[in-house]
Amino acid sequence: MPNRIISTLISSVRMFYRSKSSVFWTIAFPVILILIFGAIFSGGNDGKYNLHVQDLSNSQMSHNFIEALNRSGSINVINVGKNVNISEYIRDNSPTAVLIIPSNFDSAFIPGATNNTTQLKLMIDPTSTSANVITTIVVSVSNHFNLAIAQGGEIITLQRTEIASEQFNFIDFFLPGIIALTTMTTTIFWTVDIQSRYRENGIFKKLMTTPLTRMEWLATQILWQLIVVFISIVAILVVGIALYDVKLTLDPVAVLIIISSSALFSSMGMILARFIKEPETAGTAANAITFPMMFLSGTFFPLEMMPGYLRAVAQVLPLTYVNNGLRDAMVYDNAVGATNSLIVVVILATIFFVIGVAVSRWKVE
């Protein structure tokens, strides 16, 4: 009996390491997760939160205040010109936080001044998870100035307002990321799976005898996946509206981003499938591509939370531009930002489509 158990156990071990998907989900997947989350949330994170500052005072005192923000170690100050229309700046750049230093900032610190108070205006995107952190830092620096210069008196006060309309909440920010993620996973997994199965079952060999070209076949797959993606998006929006009262809209730019990203990720799946020999490994290969993009492209976490090297990685991931474009179009009403992201997605989709057609083979290898 023990020998039979040992023999069966050895057989199970052999089956395990021969199954690439089993090895991936058992070993590689949890390792990838811990590496990604560890890099994002570890104490060694060198990431800083961007704070856009418009200094209307342009005085030595305001310069000292900005320098104190920089010295906090958690704030990266981005200067906004004194003559810039802040409403247009917010619309065109979609910042998480904007601090406006008033023109009377320095005069409030003059001994014997008639008006010895000054009010900073902090404009925060309420949908961002970094909003409270930035607010805490600005309040801390303000309190430090009050304590050091006014011996605890409240010279600097803070008015906090919201950048985005009050109708938006975190779920509104979250939903465009879910739409982008759904588009990526649906198209990549389908394309990789269908091509690997077609190759194994000899269907490509039969297609070679028809007038259908590789480009036409890939275009058909993209069109079908586009239909599936929009069905998923309708389901997402229906649930979001019914349960969470989301107030997002699909404007023409958002629709074009979804169409372009469907073509982009379908083409990526086509390229990936070219190097897959067995249908059983298709899911594993697709996971290896989609999981890093899922967590490093700002789908669940703001890019500001990540260390600098991960933010650099995010800039080369296609899903980052899909996420940014959909949020700019659906949440921030930032037509310029959404259009810029759309252009990047269209260029990437074109490049990957051409490569996908070039590397795909219908011959049995």
Protein backbone atom coordinates (compact mmCIF):
# COMPACT_ATOMS: atom_id res chain seq x y z
CA MET A 1 0.00 0.00 0.00
CA PRO A 2 2.72 2.58 0.85
CA ASN A 3 4.45 1.80 -2.42
CA ARG A 4 1.23 2.42 -4.35
CA ILE A 5 0.75 5.75 -2.57
CA ILE A 6 4.34 6.78 -3.32
CA SER A 7 4.00 5.75 -6.97
CA THR A 8 0.76 7.71 -7.32
CA LEU A 9 2.33 10.72 -5.60
CA ILE A 10 5.30 10.63 -7.98
CA SER A 11 2.87 10.49 -10.90
CA SER A 12 1.06 13.57 -9.56
CA VAL A 13 4.35 15.43 -9.22
CA ARG A 14 5.24 14.65 -12.83
CA MET A 15 1.82 15.80 -14.03
CA PHE A 16 2.23 19.01 -12.03
CA TYR A 17 5.56 20.14 -13.44
CA ARG A 18 4.49 19.14 -16.96
CA SER A 19 1.51 21.49 -16.66
CA LYS A 20 2.83 25.00 -17.21
CA SER A 21 -0.45 26.56 -16.05
CA SER A 22 -0.32 24.68 -12.74
CA VAL A 23 3.25 25.83 -12.13
CA PHE A 24 2.27 29.41 -12.98
CA TRP A 25 -0.74 29.61 -10.64
CA THR A 26 1.04 27.77 -7.82
CA ILE A 27 4.44 29.47 -7.88
CA ALA A 28 4.80 32.30 -10.38
CA PHE A 29 1.45 34.01 -9.77
CA PRO A 30 1.78 34.51 -5.98
CA VAL A 31 5.42 35.55 -6.43
CA ILE A 32 4.40 38.16 -9.03
CA LEU A 33 1.68 39.47 -6.72
CA ILE A 34 3.96 39.85 -3.71
CA LEU A 35 6.64 41.54 -5.83
CA ILE A 36 4.17 44.03 -7.31
CA PHE A 37 2.38 44.88 -4.07
CA GLY A 38 5.66 44.92 -2.18
CA ALA A 39 7.15 47.40 -4.64
CA ILE A 40 4.07 49.64 -4.42
CA PHE A 41 3.55 49.63 -0.66
CA SER A 42 7.00 48.90 0.77
CA GLY A 43 8.64 51.36 3.10
CA GLY A 44 11.34 51.96 0.51
CA ASN A 45 8.86 53.64 -1.80
CA ASP A 46 10.46 56.81 -3.15
CA GLY A 47 7.23 57.98 -4.75
CA LYS A 48 6.06 61.56 -4.19
CA TYR A 49 2.66 63.15 -4.57
CA ASN A 50 2.39 65.90 -7.17
CA LEU A 51 1.10 69.22 -5.85
CA HIS A 52 0.51 71.94 -8.44
CA VAL A 53 1.19 75.33 -6.81
CA GLN A 54 0.16 78.73 -8.15
CA ASP A 55 2.06 81.39 -6.19
CA LEU A 56 0.16 84.68 -6.59
CA SER A 57 2.32 86.31 -3.91
CA ASN A 58 5.73 85.54 -5.40
CA SER A 59 7.37 86.78 -2.21
CA GLN A 60 10.18 85.51 -0.03
CA MET A 61 7.64 84.18 2.47
CA SER A 62 5.71 82.25 -0.18
CA HIS A 63 8.98 80.87 -1.56
CA ASN A 64 9.85 79.67 1.95
CA PHE A 65 6.47 77.97 2.23
CA ILE A 66 6.92 76.17 -1.10
CA GLU A 67 10.42 75.12 -0.07
CA ALA A 68 8.98 73.69 3.16
CA LEU A 69 6.53 71.63 1.10
CA ASN A 70 9.42 70.27 -0.97
CA ARG A 71 11.41 69.45 2.16
CA SER A 72 8.55 67.32 3.49
CA GLY A 73 9.92 64.48 1.37
CA SER A 74 6.48 63.44 0.14
CA ILE A 75 5.51 66.38 -2.07
CA ASN A 76 6.73 67.14 -5.58
CA VAL A 77 5.85 70.78 -6.25
CA ILE A 78 4.87 71.64 -9.82
CA ASN A 79 4.83 75.41 -10.32
CA VAL A 80 1.91 76.98 -12.15
CA GLY A 81 2.41 80.40 -13.73
CA LYS A 82 0.98 83.41 -11.92
CA ASN A 83 -1.02 84.50 -14.96
CA VAL A 84 -2.36 81.04 -15.81
CA ASN A 85 -6.14 80.60 -15.70
CA ILE A 86 -6.39 77.93 -13.04
CA SER A 87 -9.75 76.58 -14.26
CA GLU A 88 -8.36 75.99 -17.74
CA TYR A 89 -5.17 74.53 -16.27
CA ILE A 90 -7.17 72.00 -14.24
CA ARG A 91 -9.30 71.10 -17.24
CA ASP A 92 -6.27 70.53 -19.48
CA ASN A 93 -3.97 68.74 -16.99
CA SER A 94 -6.29 66.81 -14.62
CA PRO A 95 -4.15 67.39 -11.51
CA THR A 96 -4.84 65.57 -8.26
CA ALA A 97 -4.17 68.64 -6.09
CA VAL A 98 -3.73 72.37 -6.69
CA LEU A 99 -2.59 74.87 -4.05
CA ILE A 100 -3.17 78.59 -4.59
CA ILE A 101 -1.08 80.97 -2.48
CA PRO A 102 -2.88 84.35 -2.30
CA SER A 103 -1.28 87.67 -3.21
CA ASN A 104 -1.46 88.91 0.41
CA PHE A 105 0.49 85.95 1.77
CA ASP A 106 3.60 87.91 2.80
CA SER A 107 1.77 90.97 4.14
CA ALA A 108 -0.07 88.84 6.70
CA PHE A 109 3.25 88.20 8.45
CA ILE A 110 4.19 91.88 8.81
CA PRO A 111 3.99 92.94 12.49
CA GLY A 112 1.14 95.35 13.10
CA ALA A 113 -0.55 94.59 9.77
CA THR A 114 -4.26 95.43 9.59
CA ASN A 115 -5.07 92.05 8.07
CA ASN A 116 -2.87 89.46 9.76
CA THR A 117 -4.48 86.36 8.27
CA THR A 118 -4.10 84.74 4.87
CA GLN A 119 -6.03 81.86 3.38
CA LEU A 120 -4.51 79.18 1.18
CA LYS A 121 -6.83 77.47 -1.27
CA LEU A 122 -6.27 73.74 -1.68
CA MET A 123 -8.19 72.16 -4.55
CA ILE A 124 -8.33 68.37 -4.29
CA ASP A 125 -9.62 65.63 -6.57
CA PRO A 126 -11.94 63.76 -4.17
CA THR A 127 -11.74 60.58 -6.23
CA SER A 128 -7.99 60.24 -5.61
CA THR A 129 -6.77 58.08 -2.74
CA SER A 130 -3.84 60.48 -2.26
CA ALA A 131 -6.10 63.48 -1.51
CA ASN A 132 -6.05 63.03 2.27
CA VAL A 133 -2.28 62.53 2.33
CA ILE A 134 -1.64 65.76 0.43
CA THR A 135 -4.10 67.66 2.62
CA THR A 136 -2.39 66.40 5.77
CA ILE A 137 1.04 67.53 4.53
CA VAL A 138 -0.19 71.02 3.56
CA VAL A 139 -1.94 71.40 6.94
CA SER A 140 1.22 70.25 8.73
CA VAL A 141 3.43 72.78 6.93
CA SER A 142 0.86 75.54 7.58
CA ASN A 143 0.78 74.70 11.29
CA HIS A 144 4.57 74.73 11.38
CA PHE A 145 4.61 78.27 9.94
CA ASN A 146 1.94 79.41 12.38
CA LEU A 147 3.90 77.99 15.28
CA ALA A 148 7.31 79.27 14.20
CA ILE A 149 6.31 82.76 13.09
CA ALA A 150 3.07 83.57 14.92
CA GLN A 151 3.83 81.64 18.13
CA GLY A 152 0.83 79.41 17.51
CA GLY A 153 -1.52 82.09 16.21
CA GLU A 154 -3.57 81.20 13.15
CA ILE A 155 -2.12 83.41 10.45
CA ILE A 156 -2.36 80.77 7.72
CA THR A 157 -5.77 79.15 7.23
CA LEU A 158 -6.72 76.56 4.65
CA GLN A 159 -9.78 76.44 2.44
CA ARG A 160 -10.29 73.02 0.87
CA THR A 161 -12.43 72.65 -2.24
CA GLU A 162 -12.93 69.85 -4.75
CA ILE A 163 -11.53 69.87 -8.26
CA ALA A 164 -14.00 67.52 -9.85
CA SER A 165 -17.71 68.15 -9.63
CA GLU A 166 -19.28 67.00 -6.39
CA GLN A 167 -21.38 64.55 -8.37
CA PHE A 168 -18.33 62.29 -8.76
CA ASN A 169 -17.08 59.87 -6.15
CA PHE A 170 -14.43 57.16 -6.00
CA ILE A 171 -16.54 54.58 -7.85
CA ASP A 172 -16.80 57.04 -10.75
CA PHE A 173 -12.99 57.19 -10.83
CA PHE A 174 -12.75 53.40 -10.47
CA LEU A 175 -15.20 52.43 -13.24
CA PRO A 176 -13.16 53.67 -16.26
CA GLY A 177 -10.28 51.51 -15.01
CA ILE A 178 -12.59 48.49 -14.86
CA ILE A 179 -13.74 49.20 -18.42
CA ALA A 180 -10.11 49.40 -19.59
CA LEU A 181 -9.22 46.22 -17.70
CA THR A 182 -12.21 44.36 -19.15
CA THR A 183 -11.25 45.43 -22.65
CA MET A 184 -7.69 44.17 -22.19
CA THR A 185 -8.47 40.81 -20.58
CA THR A 186 -11.39 39.96 -22.87
CA THR A 187 -9.52 40.62 -26.10
CA ILE A 188 -6.13 39.17 -25.18
CA PHE A 189 -7.48 35.96 -23.63
CA TRP A 190 -9.92 35.34 -26.49
CA THR A 191 -7.37 35.96 -29.25
CA VAL A 192 -4.68 33.83 -27.62
CA ASP A 193 -7.09 30.99 -26.89
CA ILE A 194 -8.84 30.92 -30.27
CA GLN A 195 -5.62 31.06 -32.28
CA SER A 196 -3.92 28.31 -30.29
CA ARG A 197 -6.97 26.06 -30.65
CA TYR A 198 -7.33 26.80 -34.35
CA ARG A 199 -3.71 25.82 -34.83
CA GLU A 200 -4.03 22.59 -32.83
CA ASN A 201 -7.24 21.51 -34.58
CA GLY A 202 -5.92 22.25 -38.06
CA ILE A 203 -8.48 24.97 -38.76
CA PHE A 204 -5.81 27.37 -39.98
CA LYS A 205 -4.71 24.76 -42.49
CA LYS A 206 -8.26 24.70 -43.84
CA LEU A 207 -8.46 28.51 -43.90
CA MET A 208 -5.40 28.52 -46.14
CA THR A 209 -7.55 26.95 -48.86
CA THR A 210 -10.03 29.85 -48.72
CA PRO A 211 -9.71 33.42 -50.08
CA LEU A 212 -9.61 34.72 -46.47
CA THR A 213 -6.37 36.55 -45.69
CA ARG A 214 -4.61 36.81 -42.33
CA MET A 215 -5.40 40.52 -42.17
CA GLU A 216 -9.10 39.87 -42.81
CA TRP A 217 -9.16 37.14 -40.18
CA LEU A 218 -7.54 39.38 -37.57
CA ALA A 219 -9.89 42.25 -38.46
CA THR A 220 -12.83 39.89 -37.98
CA GLN A 221 -11.56 38.85 -34.56
CA ILE A 222 -11.12 42.50 -33.56
CA LEU A 223 -14.66 43.32 -34.71
CA TRP A 224 -16.11 40.40 -32.75
CA GLN A 225 -14.16 41.32 -29.64
CA LEU A 226 -15.35 44.90 -29.97
CA ILE A 227 -18.94 43.65 -29.85
CA VAL A 228 -18.18 41.54 -26.77
CA VAL A 229 -16.40 44.44 -25.07
CA PHE A 230 -19.34 46.80 -25.55
CA ILE A 231 -21.69 44.16 -24.15
CA SER A 232 -19.45 44.01 -21.06
CA ILE A 233 -19.33 47.80 -20.81
CA VAL A 234 -23.12 48.03 -20.93
CA ALA A 235 -23.30 45.48 -18.10
CA ILE A 236 -20.71 47.43 -16.07
CA LEU A 237 -22.54 50.74 -16.52
CA VAL A 238 -25.95 49.24 -15.77
CA VAL A 239 -24.71 47.77 -12.48
CA GLY A 240 -22.82 50.97 -11.64
CA ILE A 241 -25.84 53.18 -12.28
CA ALA A 242 -28.31 50.86 -10.54
CA LEU A 243 -26.26 50.16 -7.41
CA TYR A 244 -23.84 53.08 -7.06
CA ASP A 245 -25.51 55.94 -8.93
CA VAL A 246 -22.49 56.55 -11.15
CA LYS A 247 -22.73 59.53 -13.47
CA LEU A 248 -20.27 58.70 -16.22
CA THR A 249 -20.88 59.30 -19.90
CA LEU A 250 -19.44 57.67 -23.00
CA ASP A 251 -18.50 60.62 -25.18
CA PRO A 252 -17.11 60.13 -28.72
CA VAL A 253 -13.48 60.26 -27.54
CA ALA A 254 -14.12 57.57 -24.90
CA VAL A 255 -15.81 55.37 -27.51
CA LEU A 256 -12.86 55.81 -29.88
CA ILE A 257 -10.44 54.89 -27.09
CA ILE A 258 -12.40 51.69 -26.41
CA ILE A 259 -12.47 50.79 -30.12
CA SER A 260 -8.75 51.49 -30.53
CA SER A 261 -7.81 49.61 -27.36
CA SER A 262 -9.82 46.59 -28.52
CA ALA A 263 -7.77 46.54 -31.71
CA LEU A 264 -4.57 47.11 -29.73
CA PHE A 265 -5.04 44.27 -27.25
CA SER A 266 -6.42 41.87 -29.88
CA SER A 267 -3.27 42.47 -31.91
CA MET A 268 -1.13 41.91 -28.82
CA GLY A 269 -2.94 38.60 -28.31
CA MET A 270 -2.23 37.67 -31.92
CA ILE A 271 1.50 38.32 -31.46
CA LEU A 272 1.57 36.41 -28.18
CA ALA A 273 -0.28 33.44 -29.67
CA ARG A 274 2.36 33.16 -32.39
CA PHE A 275 4.78 31.75 -29.81
CA ILE A 276 2.35 29.40 -28.05
CA LYS A 277 2.46 25.80 -29.18
CA GLU A 278 -0.11 24.25 -26.85
CA PRO A 279 -3.64 25.51 -26.01
CA GLU A 280 -3.08 24.50 -22.37
CA THR A 281 -0.42 27.19 -22.00
CA ALA A 282 -2.47 29.94 -23.65
CA GLY A 283 -4.05 31.12 -20.41
CA THR A 284 -0.71 31.14 -18.61
CA ALA A 285 0.92 33.24 -21.32
CA ALA A 286 -2.00 35.68 -21.35
CA ASN A 287 -1.83 36.02 -17.56
CA ALA A 288 1.88 36.76 -17.73
CA ILE A 289 1.09 39.75 -19.98
CA THR A 290 -2.11 41.06 -18.39
CA PHE A 291 -1.27 40.83 -14.67
CA PRO A 292 1.64 43.30 -14.68
CA MET A 293 -0.41 45.78 -16.70
CA MET A 294 -3.41 45.25 -14.44
CA PHE A 295 -1.56 46.44 -11.34
CA LEU A 296 1.03 48.83 -12.77
CA SER A 297 -1.12 50.93 -15.11
CA GLY A 298 -3.17 52.86 -12.58
CA THR A 299 -6.24 50.63 -12.76
CA PHE A 300 -6.54 50.18 -8.99
CA PHE A 301 -3.83 52.46 -7.56
CA PRO A 302 -2.88 56.03 -8.55
CA LEU A 303 0.50 56.07 -10.25
CA GLU A 304 1.67 58.62 -7.66
CA MET A 305 1.63 55.87 -5.02
CA MET A 306 4.32 53.95 -6.88
CA PRO A 307 8.08 54.46 -6.66
CA GLY A 308 9.77 56.27 -9.50
CA TYR A 309 11.00 53.17 -11.33
CA LEU A 310 7.49 51.66 -11.39
CA ARG A 311 6.03 54.92 -12.70
CA ALA A 312 8.63 54.75 -15.47
CA VAL A 313 7.48 51.20 -16.26
CA ALA A 314 3.86 52.37 -16.32
CA GLN A 315 4.68 54.89 -19.05
CA VAL A 316 5.49 52.09 -21.50
CA LEU A 317 2.41 49.98 -20.72
CA PRO A 318 -0.47 50.43 -23.19
CA LEU A 319 -3.13 50.04 -20.49
CA THR A 320 -1.85 53.20 -18.77
CA TYR A 321 -2.95 55.35 -21.71
CA VAL A 322 -6.31 53.60 -21.94
CA ASN A 323 -6.91 54.23 -18.23
CA ASN A 324 -5.81 57.86 -18.43
CA GLY A 325 -7.78 58.54 -21.59
CA LEU A 326 -11.03 57.05 -20.30
CA ARG A 327 -10.77 58.94 -16.99
CA ASP A 328 -9.99 62.22 -18.75
CA ALA A 329 -12.98 61.72 -21.04
CA MET A 330 -15.49 60.23 -18.59
CA VAL A 331 -14.59 61.89 -15.27
CA TYR A 332 -12.49 65.03 -15.71
CA ASP A 333 -13.94 66.34 -18.98
CA ASN A 334 -10.34 66.88 -20.10
CA ALA A 335 -10.66 66.79 -23.88
CA VAL A 336 -6.98 67.58 -24.47
CA GLY A 337 -5.71 64.83 -22.17
CA ALA A 338 -8.21 62.30 -23.53
CA THR A 339 -7.30 63.13 -27.13
CA ASN A 340 -3.57 62.81 -26.42
CA SER A 341 -4.15 59.37 -24.87
CA LEU A 342 -6.32 58.40 -27.85
CA ILE A 343 -3.53 59.31 -30.26
CA VAL A 344 -1.06 57.12 -28.35
CA VAL A 345 -3.52 54.19 -28.29
CA VAL A 346 -4.24 54.52 -32.02
CA ILE A 347 -0.52 54.57 -32.85
CA LEU A 348 0.13 51.52 -30.66
CA ALA A 349 -2.88 49.70 -32.14
CA THR A 350 -1.61 50.33 -35.67
CA ILE A 351 1.90 49.14 -34.84
CA PHE A 352 0.75 45.98 -33.08
CA PHE A 353 -1.81 45.20 -35.81
CA VAL A 354 0.87 45.34 -38.51
CA ILE A 355 3.22 43.20 -36.41
CA GLY A 356 0.42 40.76 -35.61
CA VAL A 357 -0.39 40.25 -39.28
CA ALA A 358 3.30 39.91 -40.14
CA VAL A 359 4.17 37.28 -37.52
CA SER A 360 1.02 35.17 -37.68
CA ARG A 361 1.36 31.86 -39.46
CA TRP A 362 -1.35 29.48 -40.58
CA LYS A 363 1.00 26.68 -41.49
CA VAL A 364 1.36 23.76 -39.11
CA GLU A 365 4.78 23.95 -37.47
